[in-house]
Amino acid sequence: MSYVIGIDLGTSAVKSVLVDREGRVTGEHSESYPLMRPKPGYSEQNPEDWVKGTLVSLNRLVEKTGVRPAEIDGISFSGQMHGLVLVDAEGKPLRPAILWNDTRTTAQCRRIESTLGAKLIDIARNKALEGFTLPKLLWVQENEPELLDQAKLFLLPKDYVRYRLTGEYGAEYSDAAGTLLLDAASKSWSAEIAEAFNLPLSLCPPLTESFGQTGGLLPEIAEAAGLEPGTKVFAGGADNACGALGAGILGEGKTMCSIGTSGVVLSYESDKTLNLGGRAHFFNHAEKDGYYIMGVTLAAGYSLTWFKETFAAEMGFDELLAGIDRIPAGSGGLLFTPYIVGERTPHADSDIRGSFLGMDSGHTLKHFARSVLEGITFSLRESVDIVRSSGKAVTEIVSIGGGAKNADWLQMQADIFNATIIRLESEQGPALGAAMLAAYGAGWFDSLGDCAAAFIRTAGRYEPNPEQAERYEKIYALYREVYGQTQELNRRLAEFRN
């Protein structure tokens, strides 16, 4: 028997999964690590914690499954995007990694916009947001210049771990696309952007495809992991790109809705010249010469968690949502906007906040619970609309994450998106996508599409109800007015939040 291992390097933990040739996950193990918040808005981690967690996770995975090291044909990665790791000439981190959810770089984002103007969208295809890597580099340039002078390279989180496992530096296109330093169309680091900020292009690591082999396990690493020296290691992909692989989003028209803490709508794109003007993210895919459009709702599943913990802490989610199918679409005239931590797509606004509109004395807890689900789904619909505005006919959407665990919510997605919703039999998300890159890189399949056909199975389909879909169209039109009507009020309320 032969296997591959997918490693998903997340913000709170690293997960390793063992996958056989039929795409069955035969074992998994997670190891957590700490998050550091030294100041308000700061979010950092020690890169060596990722390495230690990965080695422990691999070792425990091998122990738990009893797999023989010789049966492992390859390893690949999925990783949290945008994080900045600066290493010196010996490959040692010069400071803690600055993570994707660190918000210290607002001033640097404004500097990028004023310096590059429209060129930023033309080259990198994305707006300057605090989460991206280039603003972090500029923050170090302005606040810790001596460290930037000592830096040999910047690396993204999974690429640092892979370097430590193999001794070889590298980056791949799907993660590099989230730095604001990659020319998305030419698939090369942008000398124009780097030079505009006096950053040497030599800071950028060599680029390869996500399925490209990037060395083998070093002997001491293999011993710690319980694997064979030289085990093939493949570049891997950004977490969203790998999540898309794990959902089979490979080919025109393929679209995914992922509802976790945040929510993501992601659609495959083959046109490298597509320019959405920054209305949604545009990133390189883990498939060769593929791209994807992505919209983000910051507080998707988090809105539901917040609501339950605040108003129904004694209930489980199943109890809270039981019976919402008996509440009519529109929740009896109650409308929720999920802007409780700001919003990303289509409104990149850190000041906007959520609201319940239309409350009356006849509304019950179930009305509020349904309205929260509807509001989350309306927000995601705005991203679906951006995808459709690019010329795509989105008729089927694969739903994964927490939003795929409740049948009523799945039907709601079908009605609000006015598309068939597909639920998968087994959902491992980015970790499975990483394993697929290892399987393809190791030669198991002729294409990632063939790999997806073998690994991914459909468990159910939810068709839109025409009457419900028509009703939701009218309510959605009202939802879209709320942002403009409350934007100024929320800006003025912001001074009273602390």
Protein backbone atom coordinates (compact mmCIF):
# COMPACT_ATOMS: atom_id res chain seq x y z
CA MET A 1 0.00 0.00 0.00
CA SER A 2 1.19 3.54 -0.66
CA TYR A 3 0.13 6.81 0.94
CA VAL A 4 0.70 10.55 0.87
CA ILE A 5 0.61 13.01 3.75
CA GLY A 6 -1.05 16.42 3.69
CA ILE A 7 0.05 18.96 6.30
CA ASP A 8 -2.25 21.90 7.03
CA LEU A 9 -0.40 24.67 8.89
CA GLY A 10 -3.15 26.73 10.51
CA THR A 11 -3.17 29.68 12.88
CA SER A 12 -3.87 27.67 16.01
CA ALA A 13 -2.67 24.18 15.09
CA VAL A 14 -1.02 22.01 12.47
CA LYS A 15 -2.87 18.95 11.19
CA SER A 16 -1.36 16.00 9.34
CA VAL A 17 -3.53 13.55 7.39
CA LEU A 18 -2.60 10.20 5.88
CA VAL A 19 -4.39 9.52 2.59
CA ASP A 20 -4.43 6.33 0.49
CA ARG A 21 -4.74 5.98 -3.29
CA GLU A 22 -8.55 6.03 -3.15
CA GLY A 23 -8.54 9.35 -1.33
CA ARG A 24 -9.54 7.83 2.01
CA VAL A 25 -8.16 9.60 5.08
CA THR A 26 -6.81 6.71 7.14
CA GLY A 27 -5.43 8.79 10.00
CA GLU A 28 -4.90 12.33 11.23
CA HIS A 29 -3.27 14.16 14.12
CA SER A 30 -3.24 17.80 15.22
CA GLU A 31 -0.82 19.72 17.41
CA SER A 32 -1.58 23.21 18.69
CA TYR A 33 0.82 26.08 19.30
CA PRO A 34 0.52 29.49 20.98
CA LEU A 35 -0.44 32.82 19.46
CA MET A 36 1.28 35.96 20.76
CA ARG A 37 -0.47 39.35 20.97
CA PRO A 38 2.22 41.68 22.43
CA LYS A 39 0.18 44.82 21.64
CA PRO A 40 -3.39 45.57 20.56
CA GLY A 41 -3.73 44.68 16.87
CA TYR A 42 -0.55 42.58 16.86
CA SER A 43 -0.63 38.85 16.05
CA GLU A 44 2.62 36.88 16.01
CA GLN A 45 3.97 33.35 16.29
CA ASN A 46 7.37 31.74 16.77
CA PRO A 47 8.17 29.96 13.47
CA GLU A 48 9.99 27.22 15.35
CA ASP A 49 6.71 26.36 17.11
CA TRP A 50 5.33 25.45 13.67
CA VAL A 51 8.30 23.18 13.01
CA LYS A 52 8.08 21.44 16.38
CA GLY A 53 4.32 20.99 16.01
CA THR A 54 4.71 19.58 12.51
CA LEU A 55 7.33 17.03 13.57
CA VAL A 56 5.27 15.89 16.56
CA SER A 57 2.15 15.68 14.38
CA LEU A 58 3.94 13.56 11.78
CA ASN A 59 5.47 11.29 14.42
CA ARG A 60 2.12 10.72 16.15
CA LEU A 61 0.42 10.13 12.80
CA VAL A 62 2.91 7.40 11.94
CA GLU A 63 2.54 5.84 15.41
CA LYS A 64 -1.28 5.92 15.40
CA THR A 65 -1.71 4.47 11.92
CA GLY A 66 1.16 1.98 11.96
CA VAL A 67 2.09 3.02 8.42
CA ARG A 68 5.53 1.91 7.30
CA PRO A 69 7.76 4.88 6.39
CA ALA A 70 8.62 3.25 3.06
CA GLU A 71 4.93 3.43 2.10
CA ILE A 72 4.91 7.26 2.12
CA ASP A 73 5.29 8.48 -1.48
CA GLY A 74 5.24 12.17 -0.68
CA ILE A 75 4.37 15.04 1.63
CA SER A 76 2.91 18.43 0.82
CA PHE A 77 1.52 21.46 2.60
CA SER A 78 -1.36 23.83 2.98
CA GLY A 79 -0.57 26.99 4.90
CA GLN A 80 -2.01 30.09 6.49
CA MET A 81 -1.50 32.91 4.00
CA HIS A 82 0.26 36.28 4.12
CA GLY A 83 2.44 35.73 7.23
CA LEU A 84 5.91 37.30 7.20
CA VAL A 85 8.98 35.29 8.26
CA LEU A 86 12.31 37.07 7.82
CA VAL A 87 15.39 34.83 7.85
CA ASP A 88 19.07 35.72 7.95
CA ALA A 89 21.90 34.25 5.88
CA GLU A 90 21.88 31.12 8.05
CA GLY A 91 18.13 30.63 7.65
CA LYS A 92 17.29 31.68 11.21
CA PRO A 93 14.22 33.84 11.88
CA LEU A 94 15.14 37.41 12.76
CA ARG A 95 11.89 38.10 14.63
CA PRO A 96 8.56 36.42 15.37
CA ALA A 97 6.35 35.89 12.33
CA ILE A 98 3.73 38.60 11.71
CA LEU A 99 0.48 36.80 10.86
CA TRP A 100 -2.39 37.33 8.43
CA ASN A 101 -4.69 38.65 11.19
CA ASP A 102 -2.25 41.30 12.39
CA THR A 103 -3.69 44.80 11.84
CA ARG A 104 -0.75 47.11 12.65
CA THR A 105 -0.10 48.06 9.00
CA THR A 106 -2.88 50.52 8.10
CA ALA A 107 -0.39 53.35 7.50
CA GLN A 108 1.70 51.10 5.26
CA CYS A 109 -1.39 50.16 3.22
CA ARG A 110 -2.08 53.85 2.60
CA ARG A 111 1.58 54.29 1.57
CA ILE A 112 1.24 51.46 -0.95
CA GLU A 113 -1.93 52.98 -2.41
CA SER A 114 -0.47 56.47 -2.72
CA THR A 115 2.79 55.19 -4.24
CA LEU A 116 1.41 52.71 -6.76
CA GLY A 117 -2.12 53.93 -7.46
CA ALA A 118 -3.86 51.80 -10.10
CA LYS A 119 -0.64 49.88 -10.83
CA LEU A 120 -1.18 47.78 -7.69
CA ILE A 121 -4.43 46.30 -9.03
CA ASP A 122 -2.99 45.97 -12.54
CA ILE A 123 0.01 43.95 -11.31
CA ALA A 124 -0.98 42.22 -8.06
CA ARG A 125 -4.78 42.23 -8.73
CA ASN A 126 -5.60 42.95 -5.08
CA LYS A 127 -6.12 45.96 -2.86
CA ALA A 128 -3.64 46.81 -0.11
CA LEU A 129 -5.10 45.27 3.04
CA GLU A 130 -3.48 44.91 6.45
CA GLY A 131 -3.37 41.13 6.18
CA PHE A 132 -1.06 41.00 3.16
CA THR A 133 2.71 40.53 3.29
CA LEU A 134 4.03 43.67 1.58
CA PRO A 135 2.56 46.01 4.23
CA LYS A 136 4.29 43.89 6.87
CA LEU A 137 7.63 44.22 5.08
CA LEU A 138 7.16 47.98 4.95
CA TRP A 139 6.33 48.06 8.67
CA VAL A 140 9.62 46.30 9.42
CA GLN A 141 11.39 48.64 7.01
CA GLU A 142 10.04 51.65 8.91
CA ASN A 143 10.18 50.33 12.49
CA GLU A 144 12.94 47.68 12.55
CA PRO A 145 15.26 48.69 9.67
CA GLU A 146 18.25 46.92 11.20
CA LEU A 147 16.40 43.59 10.92
CA LEU A 148 15.49 44.15 7.30
CA ASP A 149 19.15 44.93 6.58
CA GLN A 150 20.10 41.53 8.04
CA ALA A 151 17.41 39.61 6.12
CA LYS A 152 18.40 37.25 3.34
CA LEU A 153 14.82 36.26 2.39
CA PHE A 154 11.25 36.60 3.45
CA LEU A 155 9.28 33.35 3.63
CA LEU A 156 5.62 32.53 4.06
CA PRO A 157 4.69 30.28 7.00
CA LYS A 158 4.44 26.89 5.29
CA ASP A 159 7.52 27.72 3.19
CA TYR A 160 9.56 28.26 6.33
CA VAL A 161 8.46 24.87 7.68
CA ARG A 162 9.25 23.22 4.36
CA TYR A 163 12.68 24.86 4.36
CA ARG A 164 13.37 23.46 7.82
CA LEU A 165 12.29 19.99 6.71
CA THR A 166 14.31 19.96 3.47
CA GLY A 167 16.99 22.65 3.72
CA GLU A 168 15.73 24.19 0.44
CA TYR A 169 14.21 27.65 0.05
CA GLY A 170 11.20 28.25 -2.14
CA ALA A 171 7.71 29.64 -2.61
CA GLU A 172 4.85 28.70 -4.89
CA TYR A 173 2.42 30.85 -6.82
CA SER A 174 -0.81 30.45 -4.83
CA ASP A 175 0.77 31.69 -1.59
CA ALA A 176 3.00 34.24 -3.33
CA ALA A 177 -0.16 35.77 -4.82
CA GLY A 178 -1.13 36.89 -1.31
CA THR A 179 1.98 39.00 -0.78
CA LEU A 180 1.16 41.94 -3.13
CA LEU A 181 4.62 41.39 -4.63
CA LEU A 182 3.68 38.84 -7.30
CA ASP A 183 2.82 39.80 -10.86
CA ALA A 184 -0.19 37.50 -11.08
CA ALA A 185 -0.31 37.23 -14.86
CA SER A 186 3.41 36.67 -15.52
CA LYS A 187 3.86 34.49 -12.41
CA SER A 188 7.01 36.33 -11.37
CA TRP A 189 8.01 38.63 -8.55
CA SER A 190 7.32 42.23 -9.53
CA ALA A 191 10.50 44.26 -9.81
CA GLU A 192 8.35 47.38 -10.27
CA ILE A 193 6.58 46.97 -6.94
CA ALA A 194 9.75 46.01 -5.06
CA GLU A 195 11.72 48.94 -6.47
CA ALA A 196 8.92 51.39 -5.62
CA PHE A 197 9.60 50.67 -1.93
CA ASN A 198 13.38 50.18 -2.09
CA LEU A 199 13.06 46.46 -1.42
CA PRO A 200 15.73 44.28 -3.09
CA LEU A 201 14.13 41.63 -5.31
CA SER A 202 16.67 39.20 -3.80
CA LEU A 203 14.46 39.16 -0.67
CA CYS A 204 11.94 37.09 -2.62
CA PRO A 205 12.43 33.29 -2.60
CA PRO A 206 12.61 31.17 -5.78
CA LEU A 207 9.20 30.28 -7.25
CA THR A 208 7.87 26.87 -8.26
CA GLU A 209 4.55 25.15 -8.99
CA SER A 210 2.49 23.90 -6.03
CA PHE A 211 3.06 20.29 -7.08
CA GLY A 212 6.77 20.78 -7.75
CA GLN A 213 9.20 18.70 -5.72
CA THR A 214 11.20 20.88 -3.35
CA GLY A 215 13.67 18.38 -1.94
CA GLY A 216 13.44 15.50 0.51
CA LEU A 217 13.37 15.13 4.26
CA LEU A 218 16.71 15.81 5.92
CA PRO A 219 18.07 12.83 7.93
CA GLU A 220 17.63 14.43 11.35
CA ILE A 221 14.15 15.66 10.44
CA ALA A 222 13.12 12.25 9.14
CA GLU A 223 14.25 10.63 12.38
CA ALA A 224 12.22 13.08 14.46
CA ALA A 225 9.16 12.58 12.26
CA GLY A 226 9.42 8.78 12.13
CA LEU A 227 9.83 8.82 8.35
CA GLU A 228 12.53 7.88 5.86
CA PRO A 229 15.31 10.32 4.92
CA GLY A 230 14.78 11.67 1.44
CA THR A 231 10.98 11.26 1.52
CA LYS A 232 9.75 13.49 -1.29
CA VAL A 233 8.41 16.90 -0.28
CA PHE A 234 6.27 19.00 -2.63
CA ALA A 235 5.77 22.76 -2.49
CA GLY A 236 2.11 22.87 -1.42
CA GLY A 237 -0.39 25.71 -1.59
CA ALA A 238 -2.15 28.52 0.22
CA ASP A 239 -4.92 27.34 2.53
CA ASN A 240 -7.70 28.71 0.32
CA ALA A 241 -6.17 27.21 -2.82
CA CYS A 242 -5.80 23.83 -1.10
CA GLY A 243 -9.33 24.11 0.27
CA ALA A 244 -10.50 24.63 -3.30
CA LEU A 245 -8.58 21.55 -4.43
CA GLY A 246 -10.15 19.52 -1.62
CA ALA A 247 -13.60 20.62 -2.84
CA GLY A 248 -12.83 19.85 -6.49
CA ILE A 249 -12.78 23.49 -7.66
CA LEU A 250 -10.82 22.79 -10.83
CA GLY A 251 -12.27 24.11 -14.06
CA GLU A 252 -14.49 26.93 -15.33
CA GLY A 253 -17.74 27.43 -13.45
CA LYS A 254 -16.61 25.49 -10.38
CA THR A 255 -17.49 27.46 -7.26
CA MET A 256 -17.21 26.81 -3.52
CA CYS A 257 -18.81 28.33 -0.43
CA SER A 258 -16.88 27.67 2.76
CA ILE A 259 -18.43 28.76 6.05
CA GLY A 260 -16.11 28.62 9.03
CA THR A 261 -15.29 31.44 11.43
CA SER A 262 -15.10 33.58 8.31
CA GLY A 263 -16.87 32.77 5.08
CA VAL A 264 -15.38 32.37 1.62
CA VAL A 265 -16.87 32.22 -1.85
CA LEU A 266 -14.26 30.98 -4.30
CA SER A 267 -14.59 30.37 -8.03
CA TYR A 268 -12.13 28.95 -10.54
CA GLU A 269 -10.81 31.33 -13.19
CA SER A 270 -8.65 30.59 -16.24
CA ASP A 271 -8.35 34.13 -17.63
CA LYS A 272 -5.12 35.61 -16.32
CA THR A 273 -6.06 39.01 -17.71
CA LEU A 274 -9.25 39.31 -15.64
CA ASN A 275 -9.19 42.51 -13.57
CA LEU A 276 -11.99 42.94 -11.04
CA GLY A 277 -10.71 46.31 -9.89
CA GLY A 278 -10.14 44.98 -6.38
CA ARG A 279 -13.85 44.22 -5.78
CA ALA A 280 -12.80 40.69 -4.81
CA HIS A 281 -9.51 38.89 -4.33
CA PHE A 282 -7.83 37.44 -7.43
CA PHE A 283 -5.18 34.81 -6.69
CA ASN A 284 -3.13 32.21 -8.52
CA HIS A 285 -4.49 28.69 -7.99
CA ALA A 286 -2.49 25.64 -6.97
CA GLU A 287 -3.23 24.18 -10.41
CA LYS A 288 -0.75 25.20 -13.08
CA ASP A 289 -1.84 28.41 -14.83
CA GLY A 290 -5.14 28.45 -12.93
CA TYR A 291 -6.55 31.33 -10.88
CA TYR A 292 -9.47 31.93 -8.56
CA ILE A 293 -11.77 34.77 -7.57
CA MET A 294 -12.49 34.97 -3.85
CA GLY A 295 -14.80 37.03 -1.66
CA VAL A 296 -14.68 37.01 2.13
CA THR A 297 -17.27 37.57 4.86
CA LEU A 298 -15.26 38.27 8.01
CA ALA A 299 -17.84 37.07 10.55
CA ALA A 300 -19.73 34.19 8.94
CA GLY A 301 -19.82 31.25 11.35
CA TYR A 302 -18.50 33.65 13.98
CA SER A 303 -21.78 35.59 13.80
CA LEU A 304 -23.70 32.44 14.67
CA THR A 305 -21.26 31.57 17.47
CA TRP A 306 -21.53 35.10 18.87
CA PHE A 307 -25.32 34.96 18.76
CA LYS A 308 -25.50 31.58 20.51
CA GLU A 309 -22.99 32.49 23.22
CA THR A 310 -24.65 35.84 23.88
CA PHE A 311 -28.33 34.89 23.78
CA ALA A 312 -28.51 31.09 24.08
CA ALA A 313 -25.33 29.99 25.84
CA GLU A 314 -27.04 26.98 27.45
CA MET A 315 -28.03 25.55 24.06
CA GLY A 316 -26.02 23.54 21.57
CA PHE A 317 -26.07 24.60 17.93
CA ASP A 318 -28.38 21.74 16.95
CA GLU A 319 -30.92 22.78 19.58
CA LEU A 320 -30.67 26.44 18.64
CA LEU A 321 -31.32 25.72 14.96
CA ALA A 322 -33.97 23.02 15.44
CA GLY A 323 -37.25 24.17 13.96
CA ILE A 324 -35.97 27.16 11.97
CA ASP A 325 -37.48 25.48 8.88
CA ARG A 326 -40.87 26.43 10.35
CA ILE A 327 -39.92 30.13 10.35
CA PRO A 328 -40.77 31.68 6.95
CA ALA A 329 -38.07 33.01 4.65
CA GLY A 330 -37.27 36.52 5.78
CA SER A 331 -37.69 35.61 9.46
CA GLY A 332 -40.93 37.51 9.81
CA GLY A 333 -39.44 40.81 8.62
CA LEU A 334 -36.27 40.53 10.70
CA LEU A 335 -33.01 41.30 8.88
CA PHE A 336 -29.46 40.75 10.21
CA THR A 337 -26.20 42.10 8.78
CA PRO A 338 -23.11 40.11 9.90
CA TYR A 339 -20.74 43.07 10.18
CA ILE A 340 -19.93 42.42 13.84
CA VAL A 341 -16.14 42.70 13.28
CA GLY A 342 -16.26 44.87 10.15
CA GLU A 343 -16.50 43.53 6.62
CA ARG A 344 -14.24 42.51 3.73
CA THR A 345 -16.24 41.80 0.54
CA PRO A 346 -17.63 43.85 -1.10
CA HIS A 347 -17.13 46.49 1.62
CA ALA A 348 -13.56 46.66 2.94
CA ASP A 349 -14.66 48.57 6.02
CA SER A 350 -13.29 48.14 9.53
CA ASP A 351 -15.79 50.60 11.07
CA ILE A 352 -19.06 49.08 9.85
CA ARG A 353 -20.93 47.01 12.45
CA GLY A 354 -23.80 44.56 12.42
CA SER A 355 -27.47 45.19 12.98
CA PHE A 356 -30.87 43.59 13.46
CA LEU A 357 -33.56 45.53 11.58
CA GLY A 358 -37.30 45.10 11.85
CA MET A 359 -37.49 43.68 15.38
CA ASP A 360 -40.96 43.45 16.87
CA SER A 361 -42.60 41.82 19.88
CA GLY A 362 -43.68 38.78 17.86
CA HIS A 363 -40.16 37.64 17.10
CA THR A 364 -38.82 34.63 19.00
CA LEU A 365 -35.35 33.19 19.47
CA LYS A 366 -35.93 31.02 16.36
CA HIS A 367 -36.71 34.10 14.26
CA PHE A 368 -33.43 35.66 15.36
CA ALA A 369 -31.47 32.43 14.75
CA ARG A 370 -32.88 32.10 11.23
CA SER A 371 -32.20 35.77 10.48
CA VAL A 372 -28.54 35.31 11.49
CA LEU A 373 -28.20 32.43 9.00
CA GLU A 374 -29.94 34.48 6.33
CA GLY A 375 -27.74 37.53 6.94
CA ILE A 376 -24.56 35.46 6.69
CA THR A 377 -25.80 33.92 3.45
CA PHE A 378 -26.84 37.30 2.00
CA SER A 379 -23.32 38.58 2.66
CA LEU A 380 -21.86 35.57 0.83
CA ARG A 381 -24.35 36.13 -2.00
CA GLU A 382 -22.68 39.49 -2.62
CA SER A 383 -19.47 37.59 -3.43
CA VAL A 384 -21.40 35.16 -5.64
CA ASP A 385 -22.76 38.19 -7.52
CA ILE A 386 -19.22 39.48 -8.12
CA VAL A 387 -18.30 36.10 -9.61
CA ARG A 388 -21.38 36.19 -11.81
CA SER A 389 -20.60 39.76 -12.89
CA SER A 390 -17.31 38.48 -14.35
CA GLY A 391 -19.35 36.50 -16.87
CA LYS A 392 -19.70 33.17 -15.10
CA ALA A 393 -22.94 31.25 -14.87
CA VAL A 394 -22.79 29.93 -11.31
CA THR A 395 -25.37 27.14 -11.26
CA GLU A 396 -23.70 24.74 -8.79
CA ILE A 397 -21.83 25.55 -5.58
CA VAL A 398 -19.96 23.11 -3.35
CA SER A 399 -20.69 23.96 0.29
CA ILE A 400 -18.15 23.03 2.95
CA GLY A 401 -17.45 23.92 6.58
CA GLY A 402 -20.01 24.60 9.28
CA GLY A 403 -22.57 25.77 6.74
CA ALA A 404 -22.66 22.28 5.25
CA LYS A 405 -23.55 20.58 8.53
CA ASN A 406 -27.18 21.74 8.74
CA ALA A 407 -29.73 20.68 6.11
CA ASP A 408 -31.90 23.77 6.61
CA TRP A 409 -28.93 26.05 6.07
CA LEU A 410 -27.93 24.13 2.94
CA GLN A 411 -31.42 24.61 1.52
CA MET A 412 -31.25 28.29 2.48
CA GLN A 413 -27.99 28.62 0.52
CA ALA A 414 -29.65 27.01 -2.51
CA ASP A 415 -32.56 29.46 -2.31
CA ILE A 416 -30.52 32.62 -1.65
CA PHE A 417 -27.77 31.81 -4.16
CA ASN A 418 -30.38 30.43 -6.61
CA ALA A 419 -28.03 27.57 -7.40
CA THR A 420 -27.73 23.85 -6.71
CA ILE A 421 -25.79 23.26 -3.51
CA ILE A 422 -23.55 20.19 -3.34
CA ARG A 423 -22.51 18.56 -0.06
CA LEU A 424 -19.44 16.32 -0.01
CA GLU A 425 -19.19 12.83 1.49
CA SER A 426 -15.93 13.49 3.31
CA GLU A 427 -14.59 16.94 4.00
CA GLN A 428 -10.98 17.47 4.98
CA GLY A 429 -10.58 20.83 3.28
CA PRO A 430 -7.05 22.25 2.93
CA ALA A 431 -5.35 19.15 4.38
CA LEU A 432 -6.89 16.99 1.65
CA GLY A 433 -5.86 19.55 -0.95
CA ALA A 434 -2.29 19.33 0.31
CA ALA A 435 -2.44 15.54 0.06
CA MET A 436 -3.75 15.86 -3.51
CA LEU A 437 -0.72 17.98 -4.44
CA ALA A 438 1.55 15.27 -3.02
CA ALA A 439 -0.38 12.55 -4.88
CA TYR A 440 -0.16 14.40 -8.19
CA GLY A 441 3.47 15.37 -7.60
CA ALA A 442 4.32 11.75 -6.80
CA GLY A 443 2.86 10.63 -10.13
CA TRP A 444 -0.30 8.89 -8.91
CA PHE A 445 -2.44 10.80 -11.41
CA ASP A 446 -2.01 12.48 -14.79
CA SER A 447 -3.71 15.67 -13.59
CA LEU A 448 -5.14 17.30 -10.48
CA GLY A 449 -8.55 16.89 -12.13
CA ASP A 450 -8.06 13.11 -12.25
CA CYS A 451 -6.99 13.20 -8.61
CA ALA A 452 -10.13 15.16 -7.64
CA ALA A 453 -12.33 12.67 -9.52
CA ALA A 454 -10.80 9.81 -7.51
CA PHE A 455 -10.68 11.53 -4.11
CA ILE A 456 -13.89 13.60 -3.91
CA ARG A 457 -17.40 12.14 -3.61
CA THR A 458 -20.78 13.88 -3.52
CA ALA A 459 -23.11 13.09 -0.61
CA GLY A 460 -26.14 15.25 -1.42
CA ARG A 461 -27.66 17.95 -3.61
CA TYR A 462 -30.02 20.79 -2.63
CA GLU A 463 -32.04 22.43 -5.40
CA PRO A 464 -33.41 25.98 -5.12
CA ASN A 465 -37.13 26.30 -4.41
CA PRO A 466 -38.41 28.77 -7.06
CA GLU A 467 -40.91 30.45 -4.71
CA GLN A 468 -38.37 30.79 -1.90
CA ALA A 469 -35.71 32.03 -4.32
CA GLU A 470 -38.06 34.74 -5.63
CA ARG A 471 -38.94 35.83 -2.08
CA TYR A 472 -35.28 35.95 -1.12
CA GLU A 473 -34.43 38.11 -4.15
CA LYS A 474 -36.70 40.84 -2.75
CA ILE A 475 -35.26 40.55 0.76
CA TYR A 476 -31.70 40.50 -0.59
CA ALA A 477 -32.37 43.79 -2.38
CA LEU A 478 -33.25 45.30 1.02
CA TYR A 479 -30.17 43.73 2.63
CA ARG A 480 -27.94 45.44 0.07
CA GLU A 481 -29.29 48.84 1.10
CA VAL A 482 -28.35 48.45 4.76
CA TYR A 483 -24.62 49.09 4.37
CA GLY A 484 -25.08 52.46 2.70
CA GLN A 485 -27.82 53.46 5.13
CA THR A 486 -25.76 52.63 8.25
CA GLN A 487 -22.17 53.37 7.17
CA GLU A 488 -22.06 56.94 8.48
CA LEU A 489 -23.94 56.06 11.67
CA ASN A 490 -21.42 53.33 12.45
CA ARG A 491 -18.50 55.63 11.73
CA ARG A 492 -19.88 58.13 14.24
CA LEU A 493 -20.62 55.41 16.79
CA ALA A 494 -17.05 54.09 16.61
CA GLU A 495 -15.75 56.67 19.12
CA PHE A 496 -18.03 55.19 21.82
CA ARG A 497 -16.90 51.56 21.47
CA ASN A 498 -14.18 51.73 24.09
